[in-house]
Amino acid sequence: MSEAARADLYNGLSDLLGPERAETLMTHLPRYDPAEVATKSDFAELRTDFAEVRSDFAELRSDFRSEISELRTEMTTGFAGVNERFDRMYLTLVAGFFVIVAAMAGVVFTIL
């Protein structure tokens, strides 16, 4: 709506309803620039942009899942190494315990 058409509408409403009511009604009719109105081609371009964004997110999701899978594999391998070390440490402690018990038994039997 051009400014001339808007002024004409206000004048007609002012004559019909009075200036205060016309002003109230006109405040509810927003001014806009016809160049700012979205067209079908704007929406088509927006759909294309959204499709590209969806594709990018799908790619990111795939990359993220791949990275998580690699991380799980690395953690599983790392934990297996830690378990092996604990097993060796346990065997060393048990063997050391038996050596200490045997040494103490030797001392006790030597004293008796």
N, C-alpha and C. Protein backbone atom coordinates (compact mmCIF):
# COMPACT_ATOMS: atom_id res chain seq x y z
N MET A 1 0.85 -1.16 0.00
CA MET A 1 0.00 0.00 0.00
C MET A 1 0.91 1.23 0.00
N SER A 2 0.67 2.12 -0.94
CA SER A 2 1.47 3.34 -1.01
C SER A 2 1.02 4.32 0.07
N GLU A 3 1.85 5.33 0.30
CA GLU A 3 1.49 6.35 1.29
C GLU A 3 0.27 7.13 0.85
N ALA A 4 0.11 7.33 -0.45
CA ALA A 4 -1.06 8.06 -0.96
C ALA A 4 -2.33 7.25 -0.69
N ALA A 5 -2.27 5.95 -0.94
CA ALA A 5 -3.43 5.10 -0.69
C ALA A 5 -3.71 5.04 0.81
N ARG A 6 -2.69 5.01 1.60
CA ARG A 6 -2.86 4.98 3.06
C ARG A 6 -3.51 6.27 3.55
N ALA A 7 -3.07 7.39 3.02
CA ALA A 7 -3.67 8.69 3.40
C ALA A 7 -5.12 8.77 2.95
N ASP A 8 -5.42 8.26 1.76
CA ASP A 8 -6.79 8.26 1.27
C ASP A 8 -7.68 7.40 2.16
N LEU A 9 -7.18 6.24 2.57
CA LEU A 9 -7.94 5.37 3.46
C LEU A 9 -8.20 6.06 4.80
N TYR A 10 -7.17 6.72 5.31
CA TYR A 10 -7.35 7.43 6.58
C TYR A 10 -8.41 8.52 6.46
N ASN A 11 -8.36 9.29 5.37
CA ASN A 11 -9.34 10.37 5.17
C ASN A 11 -10.75 9.80 5.08
N GLY A 12 -10.92 8.68 4.37
CA GLY A 12 -12.25 8.06 4.26
C GLY A 12 -12.73 7.55 5.60
N LEU A 13 -11.86 6.91 6.34
CA LEU A 13 -12.23 6.41 7.66
C LEU A 13 -12.51 7.55 8.62
N SER A 14 -11.75 8.61 8.51
CA SER A 14 -11.94 9.77 9.38
C SER A 14 -13.31 10.39 9.14
N ASP A 15 -13.71 10.47 7.86
CA ASP A 15 -15.03 11.00 7.54
C ASP A 15 -16.12 10.08 8.07
N LEU A 16 -15.89 8.78 7.98
CA LEU A 16 -16.91 7.79 8.36
C LEU A 16 -16.95 7.56 9.87
N LEU A 17 -15.79 7.39 10.48
CA LEU A 17 -15.72 7.00 11.90
C LEU A 17 -15.30 8.13 12.83
N GLY A 18 -14.69 9.11 12.29
CA GLY A 18 -14.13 10.17 13.12
C GLY A 18 -12.63 10.00 13.22
N PRO A 19 -11.89 11.11 13.46
CA PRO A 19 -10.43 11.05 13.43
C PRO A 19 -9.80 10.12 14.47
N GLU A 20 -10.35 10.06 15.68
CA GLU A 20 -9.76 9.20 16.71
C GLU A 20 -9.89 7.73 16.36
N ARG A 21 -11.09 7.34 15.91
CA ARG A 21 -11.29 5.93 15.53
C ARG A 21 -10.49 5.58 14.29
N ALA A 22 -10.41 6.51 13.36
CA ALA A 22 -9.62 6.26 12.15
C ALA A 22 -8.14 6.07 12.52
N GLU A 23 -7.65 6.89 13.41
CA GLU A 23 -6.26 6.77 13.85
C GLU A 23 -6.02 5.43 14.55
N THR A 24 -6.97 5.02 15.41
CA THR A 24 -6.86 3.73 16.10
C THR A 24 -6.81 2.59 15.09
N LEU A 25 -7.68 2.63 14.12
CA LEU A 25 -7.72 1.58 13.10
C LEU A 25 -6.45 1.58 12.26
N MET A 26 -5.95 2.74 11.91
CA MET A 26 -4.76 2.83 11.07
C MET A 26 -3.50 2.33 11.81
N THR A 27 -3.50 2.45 13.13
CA THR A 27 -2.33 1.94 13.86
C THR A 27 -2.25 0.41 13.78
N HIS A 28 -3.38 -0.21 13.48
CA HIS A 28 -3.38 -1.68 13.35
C HIS A 28 -3.08 -2.15 11.94
N LEU A 29 -2.92 -1.22 11.03
CA LEU A 29 -2.52 -1.56 9.66
C LEU A 29 -1.05 -1.19 9.51
N PRO A 30 -0.17 -2.17 9.60
CA PRO A 30 1.26 -1.85 9.59
C PRO A 30 1.71 -1.30 8.25
N ARG A 31 2.69 -0.43 8.32
CA ARG A 31 3.32 0.06 7.10
C ARG A 31 4.38 -0.95 6.70
N TYR A 32 4.51 -1.16 5.44
CA TYR A 32 5.56 -2.06 4.97
C TYR A 32 6.01 -1.61 3.60
N ASP A 33 7.22 -1.98 3.32
CA ASP A 33 7.81 -1.70 2.01
C ASP A 33 7.51 -2.90 1.12
N PRO A 34 6.89 -2.68 -0.04
CA PRO A 34 6.59 -3.81 -0.94
C PRO A 34 7.83 -4.63 -1.28
N ALA A 35 9.00 -4.03 -1.21
CA ALA A 35 10.23 -4.77 -1.50
C ALA A 35 10.56 -5.76 -0.39
N GLU A 36 9.94 -5.60 0.79
CA GLU A 36 10.22 -6.48 1.92
C GLU A 36 9.29 -7.68 1.97
N VAL A 37 8.32 -7.75 1.10
CA VAL A 37 7.38 -8.86 1.09
C VAL A 37 8.05 -10.09 0.49
N ALA A 38 7.89 -11.22 1.14
CA ALA A 38 8.49 -12.46 0.64
C ALA A 38 7.70 -12.98 -0.56
N THR A 39 8.44 -13.49 -1.53
CA THR A 39 7.82 -14.05 -2.73
C THR A 39 7.97 -15.57 -2.72
N LYS A 40 7.30 -16.21 -3.67
CA LYS A 40 7.41 -17.67 -3.78
C LYS A 40 8.85 -18.08 -4.05
N SER A 41 9.55 -17.30 -4.84
CA SER A 41 10.95 -17.64 -5.12
C SER A 41 11.81 -17.49 -3.86
N ASP A 42 11.46 -16.52 -3.00
CA ASP A 42 12.17 -16.39 -1.72
C ASP A 42 12.00 -17.64 -0.88
N PHE A 43 10.75 -18.14 -0.84
CA PHE A 43 10.49 -19.36 -0.07
C PHE A 43 11.18 -20.57 -0.69
N ALA A 44 11.21 -20.63 -2.02
CA ALA A 44 11.91 -21.74 -2.68
C ALA A 44 13.39 -21.70 -2.35
N GLU A 45 13.98 -20.51 -2.35
CA GLU A 45 15.39 -20.37 -1.99
C GLU A 45 15.62 -20.76 -0.53
N LEU A 46 14.69 -20.38 0.32
CA LEU A 46 14.78 -20.73 1.73
C LEU A 46 14.70 -22.25 1.92
N ARG A 47 13.81 -22.90 1.17
CA ARG A 47 13.72 -24.37 1.24
C ARG A 47 15.04 -25.01 0.82
N THR A 48 15.65 -24.46 -0.23
CA THR A 48 16.94 -24.98 -0.69
C THR A 48 18.00 -24.80 0.40
N ASP A 49 18.00 -23.62 1.02
CA ASP A 49 18.96 -23.38 2.10
C ASP A 49 18.74 -24.35 3.25
N PHE A 50 17.49 -24.58 3.61
CA PHE A 50 17.20 -25.52 4.70
C PHE A 50 17.62 -26.93 4.32
N ALA A 51 17.43 -27.30 3.06
CA ALA A 51 17.86 -28.63 2.62
C ALA A 51 19.37 -28.77 2.77
N GLU A 52 20.11 -27.71 2.44
CA GLU A 52 21.56 -27.74 2.59
C GLU A 52 21.95 -27.84 4.06
N VAL A 53 21.25 -27.12 4.91
CA VAL A 53 21.53 -27.18 6.35
C VAL A 53 21.25 -28.57 6.88
N ARG A 54 20.12 -29.16 6.46
CA ARG A 54 19.81 -30.54 6.88
C ARG A 54 20.90 -31.50 6.44
N SER A 55 21.36 -31.33 5.20
CA SER A 55 22.42 -32.19 4.69
C SER A 55 23.70 -32.02 5.50
N ASP A 56 24.03 -30.77 5.83
CA ASP A 56 25.22 -30.51 6.64
C ASP A 56 25.09 -31.16 8.02
N PHE A 57 23.91 -31.05 8.63
CA PHE A 57 23.70 -31.67 9.94
C PHE A 57 23.77 -33.19 9.85
N ALA A 58 23.25 -33.76 8.78
CA ALA A 58 23.33 -35.22 8.62
C ALA A 58 24.80 -35.65 8.52
N GLU A 59 25.58 -34.87 7.80
CA GLU A 59 27.01 -35.18 7.67
C GLU A 59 27.71 -35.05 9.02
N LEU A 60 27.39 -33.99 9.75
CA LEU A 60 27.98 -33.81 11.08
C LEU A 60 27.59 -34.95 12.02
N ARG A 61 26.32 -35.36 11.95
CA ARG A 61 25.85 -36.46 12.79
C ARG A 61 26.63 -37.73 12.46
N SER A 62 26.83 -37.99 11.18
CA SER A 62 27.57 -39.17 10.76
C SER A 62 29.02 -39.11 11.25
N ASP A 63 29.64 -37.94 11.09
CA ASP A 63 31.02 -37.77 11.57
C ASP A 63 31.11 -37.96 13.08
N PHE A 64 30.14 -37.40 13.79
CA PHE A 64 30.12 -37.50 15.25
C PHE A 64 29.99 -38.96 15.68
N ARG A 65 29.09 -39.69 15.03
CA ARG A 65 28.92 -41.11 15.38
C ARG A 65 30.19 -41.89 15.09
N SER A 66 30.85 -41.57 14.00
CA SER A 66 32.10 -42.25 13.66
C SER A 66 33.17 -41.96 14.71
N GLU A 67 33.27 -40.70 15.10
CA GLU A 67 34.26 -40.32 16.13
C GLU A 67 33.96 -41.01 17.46
N ILE A 68 32.70 -41.07 17.84
CA ILE A 68 32.32 -41.75 19.09
C ILE A 68 32.67 -43.23 19.01
N SER A 69 32.42 -43.84 17.87
CA SER A 69 32.75 -45.26 17.70
C SER A 69 34.26 -45.48 17.84
N GLU A 70 35.05 -44.60 17.23
CA GLU A 70 36.51 -44.72 17.36
C GLU A 70 36.94 -44.53 18.81
N LEU A 71 36.32 -43.58 19.49
CA LEU A 71 36.65 -43.34 20.89
C LEU A 71 36.33 -44.57 21.75
N ARG A 72 35.18 -45.19 21.48
CA ARG A 72 34.83 -46.41 22.23
C ARG A 72 35.87 -47.49 22.02
N THR A 73 36.29 -47.66 20.77
CA THR A 73 37.31 -48.68 20.46
C THR A 73 38.60 -48.39 21.21
N GLU A 74 39.03 -47.12 21.18
CA GLU A 74 40.26 -46.75 21.89
C GLU A 74 40.13 -46.97 23.39
N MET A 75 38.98 -46.64 23.94
CA MET A 75 38.78 -46.82 25.38
C MET A 75 38.76 -48.30 25.74
N THR A 76 38.11 -49.12 24.92
CA THR A 76 38.07 -50.55 25.18
C THR A 76 39.48 -51.13 25.16
N THR A 77 40.26 -50.73 24.18
CA THR A 77 41.65 -51.20 24.09
C THR A 77 42.46 -50.72 25.29
N GLY A 78 42.28 -49.45 25.66
CA GLY A 78 43.00 -48.91 26.80
C GLY A 78 42.64 -49.60 28.10
N PHE A 79 41.35 -49.85 28.29
CA PHE A 79 40.92 -50.54 29.51
C PHE A 79 41.42 -51.98 29.54
N ALA A 80 41.52 -52.61 28.39
CA ALA A 80 42.06 -53.98 28.36
C ALA A 80 43.52 -53.96 28.83
N GLY A 81 44.28 -52.94 28.42
CA GLY A 81 45.67 -52.82 28.88
C GLY A 81 45.75 -52.59 30.38
N VAL A 82 44.85 -51.76 30.90
CA VAL A 82 44.82 -51.50 32.33
C VAL A 82 44.47 -52.78 33.08
N ASN A 83 43.53 -53.55 32.57
CA ASN A 83 43.15 -54.82 33.21
C ASN A 83 44.33 -55.78 33.25
N GLU A 84 45.10 -55.84 32.17
CA GLU A 84 46.27 -56.72 32.15
C GLU A 84 47.28 -56.28 33.22
N ARG A 85 47.48 -54.98 33.36
CA ARG A 85 48.42 -54.48 34.37
C ARG A 85 47.93 -54.81 35.78
N PHE A 86 46.63 -54.65 36.02
CA PHE A 86 46.10 -55.01 37.34
C PHE A 86 46.25 -56.50 37.61
N ASP A 87 46.04 -57.33 36.59
CA ASP A 87 46.22 -58.77 36.76
C ASP A 87 47.66 -59.10 37.15
N ARG A 88 48.62 -58.46 36.45
CA ARG A 88 50.02 -58.70 36.78
C ARG A 88 50.35 -58.19 38.18
N MET A 89 49.82 -57.04 38.53
CA MET A 89 50.07 -56.48 39.85
C MET A 89 49.48 -57.40 40.92
N TYR A 90 48.29 -57.93 40.69
CA TYR A 90 47.66 -58.84 41.65
C TYR A 90 48.51 -60.09 41.85
N LEU A 91 48.98 -60.66 40.73
CA LEU A 91 49.83 -61.85 40.84
C LEU A 91 51.13 -61.54 41.58
N THR A 92 51.69 -60.37 41.34
CA THR A 92 52.91 -59.97 42.03
C THR A 92 52.65 -59.82 43.53
N LEU A 93 51.54 -59.20 43.88
CA LEU A 93 51.21 -59.03 45.29
C LEU A 93 50.96 -60.37 45.97
N VAL A 94 50.25 -61.27 45.30
CA VAL A 94 49.98 -62.59 45.88
C VAL A 94 51.29 -63.35 46.06
N ALA A 95 52.15 -63.31 45.04
CA ALA A 95 53.44 -64.00 45.14
C ALA A 95 54.28 -63.39 46.26
N GLY A 96 54.26 -62.07 46.36
CA GLY A 96 55.00 -61.40 47.43
C GLY A 96 54.45 -61.77 48.79
N PHE A 97 53.14 -61.89 48.91
CA PHE A 97 52.52 -62.30 50.17
C PHE A 97 53.00 -63.69 50.56
N PHE A 98 53.03 -64.62 49.61
CA PHE A 98 53.49 -65.97 49.92
C PHE A 98 54.98 -65.99 50.31
N VAL A 99 55.77 -65.15 49.67
CA VAL A 99 57.19 -65.07 50.02
C VAL A 99 57.35 -64.56 51.45
N ILE A 100 56.55 -63.54 51.79
CA ILE A 100 56.62 -63.00 53.16
C ILE A 100 56.16 -64.04 54.17
N VAL A 101 55.08 -64.75 53.87
CA VAL A 101 54.59 -65.80 54.78
C VAL A 101 55.64 -66.90 54.92
N ALA A 102 56.24 -67.29 53.80
CA ALA A 102 57.26 -68.35 53.85
C ALA A 102 58.48 -67.88 54.66
N ALA A 103 58.87 -66.61 54.49
CA ALA A 103 60.00 -66.08 55.25
C ALA A 103 59.69 -66.05 56.73
N MET A 104 58.46 -65.63 57.08
CA MET A 104 58.08 -65.59 58.49
C MET A 104 58.02 -67.00 59.06
N ALA A 105 57.52 -67.96 58.27
CA ALA A 105 57.44 -69.34 58.74
C ALA A 105 58.87 -69.87 58.94
N GLY A 106 59.76 -69.51 58.03
CA GLY A 106 61.14 -69.94 58.18
C GLY A 106 61.76 -69.39 59.44
N VAL A 107 61.47 -68.12 59.74
CA VAL A 107 62.01 -67.50 60.96
C VAL A 107 61.43 -68.20 62.17
N VAL A 108 60.13 -68.46 62.16
CA VAL A 108 59.46 -69.11 63.32
C VAL A 108 60.05 -70.51 63.51
N PHE A 109 60.20 -71.29 62.45
CA PHE A 109 60.72 -72.66 62.59
C PHE A 109 62.20 -72.66 62.97
N THR A 110 62.91 -71.63 62.59
CA THR A 110 64.33 -71.55 62.96
C THR A 110 64.46 -71.25 64.44
N ILE A 111 63.57 -70.44 64.97
CA ILE A 111 63.62 -70.08 66.38
C ILE A 111 63.21 -71.27 67.22
N LEU A 112 62.29 -72.07 66.80
CA LEU A 112 61.79 -73.19 67.60
C LEU A 112 62.76 -74.29 67.53
